[in-house]
PDB file of N, CA and C in Angstrom:
ATOM      1  N   UNK A   1     -16.070  -3.763  -7.933  1.00  0.00           N
ATOM      2  CA  UNK A   1     -16.114  -4.008  -6.498  1.00  0.00           C
ATOM      3  C   UNK A   1     -17.166  -3.058  -5.692  1.00  0.00           C
ATOM      4  N   UNK A   2     -18.003  -3.677  -5.376  1.00  0.00           N
ATOM      5  CA  UNK A   2     -19.162  -3.001  -4.765  1.00  0.00           C
ATOM      6  C   UNK A   2     -19.027  -2.032  -3.722  1.00  0.00           C
ATOM      7  N   UNK A   3     -19.840  -0.921  -3.396  1.00  0.00           N
ATOM      8  CA  UNK A   3     -19.333  -0.127  -2.214  1.00  0.00           C
ATOM      9  C   UNK A   3     -19.609  -1.002  -0.830  1.00  0.00           C
ATOM     10  N   UNK A   4     -20.236  -2.106  -0.886  1.00  0.00           N
ATOM     11  CA  UNK A   4     -20.164  -3.048   0.526  1.00  0.00           C
ATOM     12  C   UNK A   4     -19.160  -3.299   0.735  1.00  0.00           C
ATOM     13  N   UNK A   5     -18.291  -3.879  -0.354  1.00  0.00           N
ATOM     14  CA  UNK A   5     -16.979  -4.534   0.128  1.00  0.00           C
ATOM     15  C   UNK A   5     -15.905  -3.784   0.947  1.00  0.00           C
ATOM     16  N   UNK A   6     -15.577  -4.000   1.746  1.00  0.00           N
ATOM     17  CA  UNK A   6     -14.455  -3.528   2.459  1.00  0.00           C
ATOM     18  C   UNK A   6     -13.110  -3.361   2.458  1.00  0.00           C
ATOM     19  N   UNK A   7     -13.096  -4.817   2.084  1.00  0.00           N
ATOM     20  CA  UNK A   7     -11.435  -5.158   1.506  1.00  0.00           C
ATOM     21  C   UNK A   7     -11.294  -5.398   0.140  1.00  0.00           C
ATOM     22  N   UNK A   8     -10.077  -5.101  -0.077  1.00  0.00           N
ATOM     23  CA  UNK A   8      -9.393  -5.339  -1.724  1.00  0.00           C
ATOM     24  C   UNK A   8      -8.319  -6.539  -1.647  1.00  0.00           C
ATOM     25  N   UNK A   9      -8.813  -7.039  -2.574  1.00  0.00           N
ATOM     26  CA  UNK A   9      -8.091  -8.398  -2.918  1.00  0.00           C
ATOM     27  C   UNK A   9      -6.637  -7.882  -3.141  1.00  0.00           C
ATOM     28  N   UNK A  10      -5.679  -8.853  -2.293  1.00  0.00           N
ATOM     29  CA  UNK A  10      -4.162  -8.770  -2.695  1.00  0.00           C
ATOM     30  C   UNK A  10      -3.765  -9.676  -3.240  1.00  0.00           C
ATOM     31  N   UNK A  11      -2.825  -9.683  -4.277  1.00  0.00           N
ATOM     32  CA  UNK A  11      -2.022 -11.187  -4.652  1.00  0.00           C
ATOM     33  C   UNK A  11      -0.069 -10.697  -4.593  1.00  0.00           C
ATOM     34  N   UNK A  12       0.302 -11.564  -4.261  1.00  0.00           N
ATOM     35  CA  UNK A  12       1.792 -11.137  -4.307  1.00  0.00           C
ATOM     36  C   UNK A  12       2.197 -11.444  -5.679  1.00  0.00           C
ATOM     37  N   UNK A  13       3.467 -10.900  -6.391  1.00  0.00           N
ATOM     38  CA  UNK A  13       3.883 -10.913  -7.480  1.00  0.00           C
ATOM     39  C   UNK A  13       5.025 -11.845  -7.327  1.00  0.00           C
ATOM     40  N   UNK A  14       5.956 -12.312  -8.486  1.00  0.00           N
ATOM     41  CA  UNK A  14       7.121 -12.748  -8.234  1.00  0.00           C
ATOM     42  C   UNK A  14       8.304 -11.884  -7.797  1.00  0.00           C
ATOM     43  N   UNK A  15       7.999 -11.112  -7.719  1.00  0.00           N
ATOM     44  CA  UNK A  15       9.420 -10.102  -7.089  1.00  0.00           C
ATOM     45  C   UNK A  15       8.826  -9.762  -5.521  1.00  0.00           C
ATOM     46  N   UNK A  16       9.803  -9.865  -4.747  1.00  0.00           N
ATOM     47  CA  UNK A  16       9.658  -9.755  -3.321  1.00  0.00           C
ATOM     48  C   UNK A  16       9.114  -8.500  -3.155  1.00  0.00           C
ATOM     49  N   UNK A  17       7.859  -8.328  -2.052  1.00  0.00           N
ATOM     50  CA  UNK A  17       7.671  -6.972  -1.796  1.00  0.00           C
ATOM     51  C   UNK A  17       6.661  -6.226  -2.939  1.00  0.00           C
ATOM     52  N   UNK A  18       6.204  -7.176  -3.831  1.00  0.00           N
ATOM     53  CA  UNK A  18       5.416  -6.664  -4.858  1.00  0.00           C
ATOM     54  C   UNK A  18       3.817  -7.033  -5.028  1.00  0.00           C
ATOM     55  N   UNK A  19       3.203  -6.485  -4.973  1.00  0.00           N
ATOM     56  CA  UNK A  19       1.837  -6.830  -5.118  1.00  0.00           C
ATOM     57  C   UNK A  19       1.050  -6.399  -6.139  1.00  0.00           C
ATOM     58  N   UNK A  20      -0.275  -7.115  -6.621  1.00  0.00           N
ATOM     59  CA  UNK A  20      -1.532  -6.603  -6.814  1.00  0.00           C
ATOM     60  C   UNK A  20      -2.168  -6.277  -6.101  1.00  0.00           C
ATOM     61  N   UNK A  21      -2.964  -5.217  -6.280  1.00  0.00           N
ATOM     62  CA  UNK A  21      -4.152  -4.904  -5.580  1.00  0.00           C
ATOM     63  C   UNK A  21      -5.355  -4.559  -6.231  1.00  0.00           C
ATOM     64  N   UNK A  22      -6.490  -5.021  -6.025  1.00  0.00           N
ATOM     65  CA  UNK A  22      -7.941  -4.648  -6.607  1.00  0.00           C
ATOM     66  C   UNK A  22      -7.932  -3.380  -6.531  1.00  0.00           C
ATOM     67  N   UNK A  23      -8.437  -2.842  -7.716  1.00  0.00           N
ATOM     68  CA  UNK A  23      -8.730  -1.257  -8.089  1.00  0.00           C
ATOM     69  C   UNK A  23     -10.585  -1.296  -7.653  1.00  0.00           C
ATOM     70  N   UNK A  24     -10.998  -0.266  -7.080  1.00  0.00           N
ATOM     71  CA  UNK A  24     -12.429  -0.089  -7.026  1.00  0.00           C
ATOM     72  C   UNK A  24     -13.058   0.466  -8.238  1.00  0.00           C
ATOM     73  N   UNK A  25     -12.131   1.242  -9.111  1.00  0.00           N
ATOM     74  CA  UNK A  25     -12.351   1.911 -10.031  1.00  0.00           C
ATOM     75  C   UNK A  25     -12.488   1.344 -11.542  1.00  0.00           C
ATOM     76  N   UNK A  26     -11.387   0.362 -11.435  1.00  0.00           N
ATOM     77  CA  UNK A  26     -11.031  -0.273 -12.780  1.00  0.00           C
ATOM     78  C   UNK A  26     -11.080  -1.891 -13.025  1.00  0.00           C
ATOM     79  N   UNK A  27     -11.350  -2.499 -13.790  1.00  0.00           N
ATOM     80  CA  UNK A  27     -10.796  -3.933 -13.798  1.00  0.00           C
ATOM     81  C   UNK A  27      -9.301  -4.508 -13.503  1.00  0.00           C
ATOM     82  N   UNK A  28      -8.790  -3.524 -13.826  1.00  0.00           N
ATOM     83  CA  UNK A  28      -7.362  -4.214 -13.467  1.00  0.00           C
ATOM     84  C   UNK A  28      -6.794  -3.662 -11.974  1.00  0.00           C
ATOM     85  N   UNK A  29      -6.233  -4.755 -11.919  1.00  0.00           N
ATOM     86  CA  UNK A  29      -5.607  -4.443 -10.351  1.00  0.00           C
ATOM     87  C   UNK A  29      -4.590  -3.533 -10.295  1.00  0.00           C
ATOM     88  N   UNK A  30      -3.765  -2.863  -9.448  1.00  0.00           N
ATOM     89  CA  UNK A  30      -3.016  -1.611  -9.381  1.00  0.00           C
ATOM     90  C   UNK A  30      -1.987  -2.693  -8.647  1.00  0.00           C
ATOM     91  N   UNK A  31      -0.698  -1.941  -9.254  1.00  0.00           N
ATOM     92  CA  UNK A  31       0.728  -2.791  -9.161  1.00  0.00           C
ATOM     93  C   UNK A  31       1.125  -1.772  -7.850  1.00  0.00           C
ATOM     94  N   UNK A  32       1.907  -2.537  -6.596  1.00  0.00           N
ATOM     95  CA  UNK A  32       2.226  -1.806  -5.721  1.00  0.00           C
ATOM     96  C   UNK A  32       3.783  -2.406  -5.516  1.00  0.00           C
ATOM     97  N   UNK A  33       4.566  -1.327  -5.121  1.00  0.00           N
ATOM     98  CA  UNK A  33       5.949  -1.876  -4.793  1.00  0.00           C
ATOM     99  C   UNK A  33       6.311  -1.270  -3.527  1.00  0.00           C
ATOM    100  N   UNK A  34       6.163  -2.176  -2.314  1.00  0.00           N
ATOM    101  CA  UNK A  34       6.182  -1.551  -1.099  1.00  0.00           C
ATOM    102  C   UNK A  34       7.871  -1.186  -0.772  1.00  0.00           C
ATOM    103  N   UNK A  35       9.021  -1.623  -1.287  1.00  0.00           N
ATOM    104  CA  UNK A  35      10.310  -1.096  -1.235  1.00  0.00           C
ATOM    105  C   UNK A  35      10.477   0.546  -1.748  1.00  0.00           C
ATOM    106  N   UNK A  36       9.662   0.860  -2.922  1.00  0.00           N
ATOM    107  CA  UNK A  36      10.147   2.251  -2.970  1.00  0.00           C
ATOM    108  C   UNK A  36       9.956   3.298  -2.298  1.00  0.00           C
ATOM    109  N   UNK A  37      10.725   4.258  -2.427  1.00  0.00           N
ATOM    110  CA  UNK A  37      10.666   5.533  -1.785  1.00  0.00           C
ATOM    111  C   UNK A  37      10.905   5.184  -0.262  1.00  0.00           C
ATOM    112  N   UNK A  38      12.244   4.482  -0.231  1.00  0.00           N
ATOM    113  CA  UNK A  38      12.685   4.150   1.326  1.00  0.00           C
ATOM    114  C   UNK A  38      11.529   3.533   2.143  1.00  0.00           C
ATOM    115  N   UNK A  39      10.812   2.649   1.647  1.00  0.00           N
ATOM    116  CA  UNK A  39       9.689   1.870   2.263  1.00  0.00           C
ATOM    117  C   UNK A  39       8.590   2.351   2.480  1.00  0.00           C
ATOM    118  N   UNK A  40       8.203   3.684   1.957  1.00  0.00           N
ATOM    119  CA  UNK A  40       6.795   4.405   1.794  1.00  0.00           C
ATOM    120  C   UNK A  40       6.047   3.526   1.128  1.00  0.00           C
ATOM    121  N   UNK A  41       6.201   2.817  -0.043  1.00  0.00           N
ATOM    122  CA  UNK A  41       5.887   2.159  -1.225  1.00  0.00           C
ATOM    123  C   UNK A  41       5.325   3.129  -2.109  1.00  0.00           C
ATOM    124  N   UNK A  42       5.026   2.608  -3.169  1.00  0.00           N
ATOM    125  CA  UNK A  42       4.627   3.202  -4.754  1.00  0.00           C
ATOM    126  C   UNK A  42       3.435   2.460  -5.296  1.00  0.00           C
ATOM    127  N   UNK A  43       2.457   2.966  -6.197  1.00  0.00           N
ATOM    128  CA  UNK A  43       1.043   2.052  -6.838  1.00  0.00           C
ATOM    129  C   UNK A  43       1.255   2.918  -7.969  1.00  0.00           C
ATOM    130  N   UNK A  44       0.676   2.354  -8.809  1.00  0.00           N
ATOM    131  CA  UNK A  44       0.264   2.823 -10.650  1.00  0.00           C
ATOM    132  C   UNK A  44      -1.403   3.822 -10.260  1.00  0.00           C
ATOM    133  N   UNK A  45      -1.699   3.983  -9.152  1.00  0.00           N
ATOM    134  CA  UNK A  45      -3.108   4.179  -9.226  1.00  0.00           C
ATOM    135  C   UNK A  45      -3.023   6.021  -9.586  1.00  0.00           C
ATOM    136  N   UNK A  46      -4.047   6.651  -9.716  1.00  0.00           N
ATOM    137  CA  UNK A  46      -4.191   8.019 -10.037  1.00  0.00           C
ATOM    138  C   UNK A  46      -3.622   8.690  -8.783  1.00  0.00           C
ATOM    139  N   UNK A  47      -4.436   8.305  -7.387  1.00  0.00           N
ATOM    140  CA  UNK A  47      -4.023   8.929  -6.260  1.00  0.00           C
ATOM    141  C   UNK A  47      -2.463   9.067  -5.998  1.00  0.00           C
ATOM    142  N   UNK A  48      -1.775   7.960  -6.218  1.00  0.00           N
ATOM    143  CA  UNK A  48      -0.346   7.995  -5.984  1.00  0.00           C
ATOM    144  C   UNK A  48       0.257   9.067  -6.669  1.00  0.00           C
ATOM    145  N   UNK A  49       0.100   8.579  -8.160  1.00  0.00           N
ATOM    146  CA  UNK A  49       0.358   9.736  -9.299  1.00  0.00           C
ATOM    147  C   UNK A  49       0.164  10.834  -8.850  1.00  0.00           C
ATOM    148  N   UNK A  50      -0.841  11.434  -8.541  1.00  0.00           N
ATOM    149  CA  UNK A  50      -1.464  13.031  -8.484  1.00  0.00           C
ATOM    150  C   UNK A  50      -0.710  13.737  -7.043  1.00  0.00           C
ATOM    151  N   UNK A  51      -1.359  12.948  -6.211  1.00  0.00           N
ATOM    152  CA  UNK A  51      -1.256  13.359  -4.675  1.00  0.00           C
ATOM    153  C   UNK A  51      -0.259  12.883  -4.198  1.00  0.00           C
ATOM    154  N   UNK A  52      -0.151  11.634  -3.875  1.00  0.00           N
ATOM    155  CA  UNK A  52       1.399  11.244  -3.140  1.00  0.00           C
ATOM    156  C   UNK A  52       2.325  11.470  -3.397  1.00  0.00           C
ATOM    157  N   UNK A  53       2.846  11.293  -4.760  1.00  0.00           N
ATOM    158  CA  UNK A  53       4.021  11.792  -5.224  1.00  0.00           C
ATOM    159  C   UNK A  53       3.977  13.223  -5.224  1.00  0.00           C
ATOM    160  N   UNK A  54       3.280  13.823  -4.913  1.00  0.00           N
ATOM    161  CA  UNK A  54       3.523  15.352  -5.248  1.00  0.00           C
ATOM    162  C   UNK A  54       3.973  15.581  -3.561  1.00  0.00           C
ATOM    163  N   UNK A  55       3.439  14.960  -2.561  1.00  0.00           N
ATOM    164  CA  UNK A  55       3.534  15.145  -1.360  1.00  0.00           C
ATOM    165  C   UNK A  55       4.750  14.732  -0.787  1.00  0.00           C
ATOM    166  N   UNK A  56       5.422  13.420  -1.614  1.00  0.00           N
ATOM    167  CA  UNK A  56       6.665  12.902  -1.080  1.00  0.00           C
ATOM    168  C   UNK A  56       7.766  13.628  -2.112  1.00  0.00           C
ATOM    169  N   UNK A  57       7.416  14.686  -3.127  1.00  0.00           N
ATOM    170  CA  UNK A  57       8.342  15.440  -3.501  1.00  0.00           C
ATOM    171  C   UNK A  57       8.541  16.863  -2.620  1.00  0.00           C
ATOM    172  N   UNK A  58       7.250  17.595  -1.825  1.00  0.00           N
ATOM    173  CA  UNK A  58       7.473  18.390  -1.005  1.00  0.00           C
ATOM    174  C   UNK A  58       8.386  17.978   0.003  1.00  0.00           C
ATOM    175  N   UNK A  59       8.166  16.878   0.456  1.00  0.00           N
ATOM    176  CA  UNK A  59       8.773  16.341   1.927  1.00  0.00           C
ATOM    177  C   UNK A  59      10.613  16.258   1.276  1.00  0.00           C
ATOM    178  N   UNK A  60      10.877  16.050  -0.030  1.00  0.00           N
ATOM    179  CA  UNK A  60      12.151  15.860  -0.104  1.00  0.00           C
ATOM    180  C   UNK A  60      13.130  14.653   0.217  1.00  0.00           C
ATOM    181  N   UNK A  61      14.320  15.127   0.869  1.00  0.00           N
ATOM    182  CA  UNK A  61      15.195  13.735   1.557  1.00  0.00           C
ATOM    183  C   UNK A  61      14.750  13.236   2.707  1.00  0.00           C
ATOM    184  N   UNK A  62      13.798  13.952   3.537  1.00  0.00           N
ATOM    185  CA  UNK A  62      13.414  13.714   4.772  1.00  0.00           C
ATOM    186  C   UNK A  62      11.650  13.105   4.878  1.00  0.00           C
ATOM    187  N   UNK A  63      11.711  12.007   4.001  1.00  0.00           N
ATOM    188  CA  UNK A  63      10.487  11.594   3.883  1.00  0.00           C
ATOM    189  C   UNK A  63       9.898  10.678   5.091  1.00  0.00           C
ATOM    190  N   UNK A  64       8.634  11.350   5.505  1.00  0.00           N
ATOM    191  CA  UNK A  64       8.006  10.783   6.669  1.00  0.00           C
ATOM    192  C   UNK A  64       6.887  10.183   5.987  1.00  0.00           C
ATOM    193  N   UNK A  65       6.535   8.839   5.963  1.00  0.00           N
ATOM    194  CA  UNK A  65       5.288   8.227   5.497  1.00  0.00           C
ATOM    195  C   UNK A  65       4.058   8.905   6.210  1.00  0.00           C
ATOM    196  N   UNK A  66       3.129   9.161   5.005  1.00  0.00           N
ATOM    197  CA  UNK A  66       1.729   9.363   5.863  1.00  0.00           C
ATOM    198  C   UNK A  66       0.595   8.725   5.309  1.00  0.00           C
ATOM    199  N   UNK A  67      -0.129   8.184   6.016  1.00  0.00           N
ATOM    200  CA  UNK A  67      -1.052   7.189   5.636  1.00  0.00           C
ATOM    201  C   UNK A  67      -2.390   7.927   5.074  1.00  0.00           C
ATOM    202  N   UNK A  68      -2.881   6.843   4.521  1.00  0.00           N
ATOM    203  CA  UNK A  68      -4.092   7.302   3.698  1.00  0.00           C
ATOM    204  C   UNK A  68      -5.170   8.171   4.051  1.00  0.00           C
ATOM    205  N   UNK A  69      -5.893   7.755   5.437  1.00  0.00           N
ATOM    206  CA  UNK A  69      -6.615   8.317   6.188  1.00  0.00           C
ATOM    207  C   UNK A  69      -8.064   7.275   5.742  1.00  0.00           C
ATOM    208  N   UNK A  70      -9.029   7.758   5.605  1.00  0.00           N
ATOM    209  CA  UNK A  70     -10.368   7.361   5.465  1.00  0.00           C
ATOM    210  C   UNK A  70     -10.937   7.491   3.821  1.00  0.00           C
ATOM    211  N   UNK A  71     -11.837   6.546   3.489  1.00  0.00           N
ATOM    212  CA  UNK A  71     -12.473   7.289   1.944  1.00  0.00           C
ATOM    213  C   UNK A  71     -13.281   8.518   2.524  1.00  0.00           C
ATOM    214  N   UNK A  72     -13.673   8.222   3.528  1.00  0.00           N
ATOM    215  CA  UNK A  72     -14.446   9.792   3.942  1.00  0.00           C
ATOM    216  C   UNK A  72     -13.648  11.117   4.083  1.00  0.00           C
ATOM    217  N   UNK A  73     -12.423  10.716   4.799  1.00  0.00           N
ATOM    218  CA  UNK A  73     -11.537  11.870   5.108  1.00  0.00           C
ATOM    219  C   UNK A  73     -10.290  11.324   4.876  1.00  0.00           C
ATOM    220  N   UNK A  74      -9.803  11.662   3.424  1.00  0.00           N
ATOM    221  CA  UNK A  74      -8.274  11.588   2.695  1.00  0.00           C
ATOM    222  C   UNK A  74      -7.879  12.408   3.817  1.00  0.00           C
ATOM    223  N   UNK A  75      -6.380  12.135   4.119  1.00  0.00           N
ATOM    224  CA  UNK A  75      -5.507  13.148   4.522  1.00  0.00           C
ATOM    225  C   UNK A  75      -4.463  13.716   3.312  1.00  0.00           C
ATOM    226  N   UNK A  76      -4.677  14.898   3.451  1.00  0.00           N
ATOM    227  CA  UNK A  76      -4.263  15.673   2.346  1.00  0.00           C
ATOM    228  C   UNK A  76      -2.611  15.419   2.168  1.00  0.00           C
ATOM    229  N   UNK A  77      -2.280  15.245   3.242  1.00  0.00           N
ATOM    230  CA  UNK A  77      -0.652  15.107   2.900  1.00  0.00           C
ATOM    231  C   UNK A  77      -0.211  13.970   2.910  1.00  0.00           C
ATOM    232  N   UNK A  78      -1.025  12.933   2.426  1.00  0.00           N
ATOM    233  CA  UNK A  78      -0.451  11.203   2.660  1.00  0.00           C
ATOM    234  C   UNK A  78       0.381  11.085   1.503  1.00  0.00           C
ATOM    235  N   UNK A  79       1.394  10.216   1.871  1.00  0.00           N
ATOM    236  CA  UNK A  79       2.246   9.674   0.604  1.00  0.00           C
ATOM    237  C   UNK A  79       1.945   8.300   0.506  1.00  0.00           C
ATOM    238  N   UNK A  80       0.647   7.601   0.829  1.00  0.00           N
ATOM    239  CA  UNK A  80       0.668   6.420   0.504  1.00  0.00           C
ATOM    240  C   UNK A  80      -0.956   6.332   0.404  1.00  0.00           C
ATOM    241  N   UNK A  81      -1.218   5.609  -0.907  1.00  0.00           N
ATOM    242  CA  UNK A  81      -2.620   5.480  -1.290  1.00  0.00           C
ATOM    243  C   UNK A  81      -3.290   4.588  -0.908  1.00  0.00           C
ATOM    244  N   UNK A  82      -4.312   4.145  -0.818  1.00  0.00           N
ATOM    245  CA  UNK A  82      -5.111   2.800  -0.140  1.00  0.00           C
ATOM    246  C   UNK A  82      -4.384   1.754  -0.514  1.00  0.00           C
ATOM    247  N   UNK A  83      -4.097   1.443  -1.733  1.00  0.00           N
ATOM    248  CA  UNK A  83      -3.246   0.610  -2.269  1.00  0.00           C
ATOM    249  C   UNK A  83      -2.069   0.015  -1.566  1.00  0.00           C
ATOM    250  N   UNK A  84      -1.220   1.213  -1.494  1.00  0.00           N
ATOM    251  CA  UNK A  84      -0.217   0.794  -0.467  1.00  0.00           C
ATOM    252  C   UNK A  84      -0.153   0.216   0.842  1.00  0.00           C
ATOM    253  N   UNK A  85      -1.466   0.796   1.331  1.00  0.00           N
ATOM    254  CA  UNK A  85      -1.966   0.515   2.740  1.00  0.00           C
ATOM    255  C   UNK A  85      -2.343  -0.906   2.848  1.00  0.00           C
ATOM    256  N   UNK A  86      -3.219  -1.163   1.942  1.00  0.00           N
ATOM    257  CA  UNK A  86      -3.720  -2.630   1.871  1.00  0.00           C
ATOM    258  C   UNK A  86      -2.329  -3.583   1.618  1.00  0.00           C
ATOM    259  N   UNK A  87      -1.640  -3.345   0.940  1.00  0.00           N
ATOM    260  CA  UNK A  87      -0.231  -4.232   0.401  1.00  0.00           C
ATOM    261  C   UNK A  87       0.334  -4.042   2.017  1.00  0.00           C
ATOM    262  N   UNK A  88       0.643  -3.285   2.553  1.00  0.00           N
ATOM    263  CA  UNK A  88       1.145  -3.307   4.144  1.00  0.00           C
ATOM    264  C   UNK A  88       0.800  -4.047   4.875  1.00  0.00           C
ATOM    265  N   UNK A  89      -0.749  -3.874   5.237  1.00  0.00           N
ATOM    266  CA  UNK A  89      -1.077  -4.762   5.951  1.00  0.00           C
ATOM    267  C   UNK A  89      -1.160  -6.279   5.487  1.00  0.00           C
ATOM    268  N   UNK A  90      -1.308  -6.710   4.483  1.00  0.00           N
ATOM    269  CA  UNK A  90      -1.192  -7.675   3.930  1.00  0.00           C
ATOM    270  C   UNK A  90       0.615  -8.508   4.067  1.00  0.00           C
ATOM    271  N   UNK A  91       1.585  -7.497   4.003  1.00  0.00           N
ATOM    272  CA  UNK A  91       2.792  -8.085   3.969  1.00  0.00           C
ATOM    273  C   UNK A  91       3.268  -8.170   5.342  1.00  0.00           C
ATOM    274  N   UNK A  92       2.946  -7.393   6.390  1.00  0.00           N
ATOM    275  CA  UNK A  92       3.096  -7.207   8.010  1.00  0.00           C
ATOM    276  C   UNK A  92       2.307  -8.448   8.436  1.00  0.00           C
ATOM    277  N   UNK A  93       1.228  -8.638   7.924  1.00  0.00           N
ATOM    278  CA  UNK A  93       0.326  -9.611   8.569  1.00  0.00           C
ATOM    279  C   UNK A  93       1.141 -11.137   8.314  1.00  0.00           C
ATOM    280  N   UNK A  94       1.160 -11.099   6.877  1.00  0.00           N
ATOM    281  CA  UNK A  94       2.007 -12.570   6.642  1.00  0.00           C
ATOM    282  C   UNK A  94       3.637 -12.758   7.289  1.00  0.00           C
ATOM    283  N   UNK A  95       4.363 -11.725   7.395  1.00  0.00           N
ATOM    284  CA  UNK A  95       5.496 -11.756   7.947  1.00  0.00           C
ATOM    285  C   UNK A  95       5.212 -12.107   9.311  1.00  0.00           C
ATOM    286  N   UNK A  96       4.269 -11.381   9.816  1.00  0.00           N
ATOM    287  CA  UNK A  96       4.226 -11.729  11.601  1.00  0.00           C
ATOM    288  C   UNK A  96       3.487 -13.261  11.701  1.00  0.00           C
ATOM    289  N   UNK A  97       2.862 -13.613  10.913  1.00  0.00           N
ATOM    290  CA  UNK A  97       2.364 -15.106  10.739  1.00  0.00           C
ATOM    291  C   UNK A  97       3.722 -15.982  10.827  1.00  0.00           C
ATOM    292  N   UNK A  98       4.528 -15.727  10.042  1.00  0.00           N
ATOM    293  CA  UNK A  98       5.991 -16.318   9.987  1.00  0.00           C
ATOM    294  C   UNK A  98       6.713 -16.574  11.106  1.00  0.00           C
ATOM    295  N   UNK A  99       6.890 -15.185  11.445  1.00  0.00           N
ATOM    296  CA  UNK A  99       7.883 -14.982  12.682  1.00  0.00           C
ATOM    297  C   UNK A  99       7.463 -15.896  13.365  1.00  0.00           C
ATOM    298  N   UNK A 100       6.032 -15.790  13.932  1.00  0.00           N
ATOM    299  CA  UNK A 100       5.139 -16.541  14.916  1.00  0.00           C
ATOM    300  C   UNK A 100       5.669 -17.892  14.904  1.00  0.00           C
ATOM    301  N   UNK A 101       5.219 -18.565  13.667  1.00  0.00           N
ATOM    302  CA  UNK A 101       5.688 -19.867  13.773  1.00  0.00           C
ATOM    303  C   UNK A 101       7.015 -20.371  13.720  1.00  0.00           C
ATOM    304  N   UNK A 102       7.951 -19.764  13.287  1.00  0.00           N
ATOM    305  CA  UNK A 102       9.252 -19.839  13.457  1.00  0.00           C
ATOM    306  C   UNK A 102       9.526 -19.992  15.031  1.00  0.00           C
ATOM    307  N   UNK A 103       9.124 -18.863  15.743  1.00  0.00           N
ATOM    308  CA  UNK A 103       9.413 -18.900  17.126  1.00  0.00           C
ATOM    309  C   UNK A 103       8.727 -20.182  17.905  1.00  0.00           C
ATOM    310  N   UNK A 104       7.667 -20.416  17.609  1.00  0.00           N
ATOM    311  CA  UNK A 104       6.994 -21.407  18.220  1.00  0.00           C
ATOM    312  C   UNK A 104       7.581 -22.752  17.718  1.00  0.00           C
ATOM    313  N   UNK A 105       8.493 -23.184  16.741  1.00  0.00           N
ATOM    314  CA  UNK A 105       8.938 -24.262  16.555  1.00  0.00           C
ATOM    315  C   UNK A 105      10.032 -24.254  17.501  1.00  0.00           C
ATOM    316  N   UNK A 106      11.003 -23.513  18.083  1.00  0.00           N
ATOM    317  CA  UNK A 106      11.740 -23.522  19.004  1.00  0.00           C
ATOM    318  C   UNK A 106      11.596 -24.105  20.172  1.00  0.00           C
TER     319      UNK A 106
END
């Protein structure tokens, strides 16, 4: 993925709330599970494994999701990597569209 590209490709998987999200560093997409950690989400990327999970463990049972931040200024307390954030945006946009269509049928 080039540095000029601002979005990451997202593909739903067969399991609800599971997504494949394009990686900027590797040819294989990352796997995101939005339902993990009480809805915080989980990913198999290095940022999630080394930074986000450490912060999740620090918070303990009172998990408060902390967003990624930006590429230029990552939040050091983040519990969500950028792949989780992209999947959440994808999920919420699709869900809102479906709800809106249902409401407009009435």
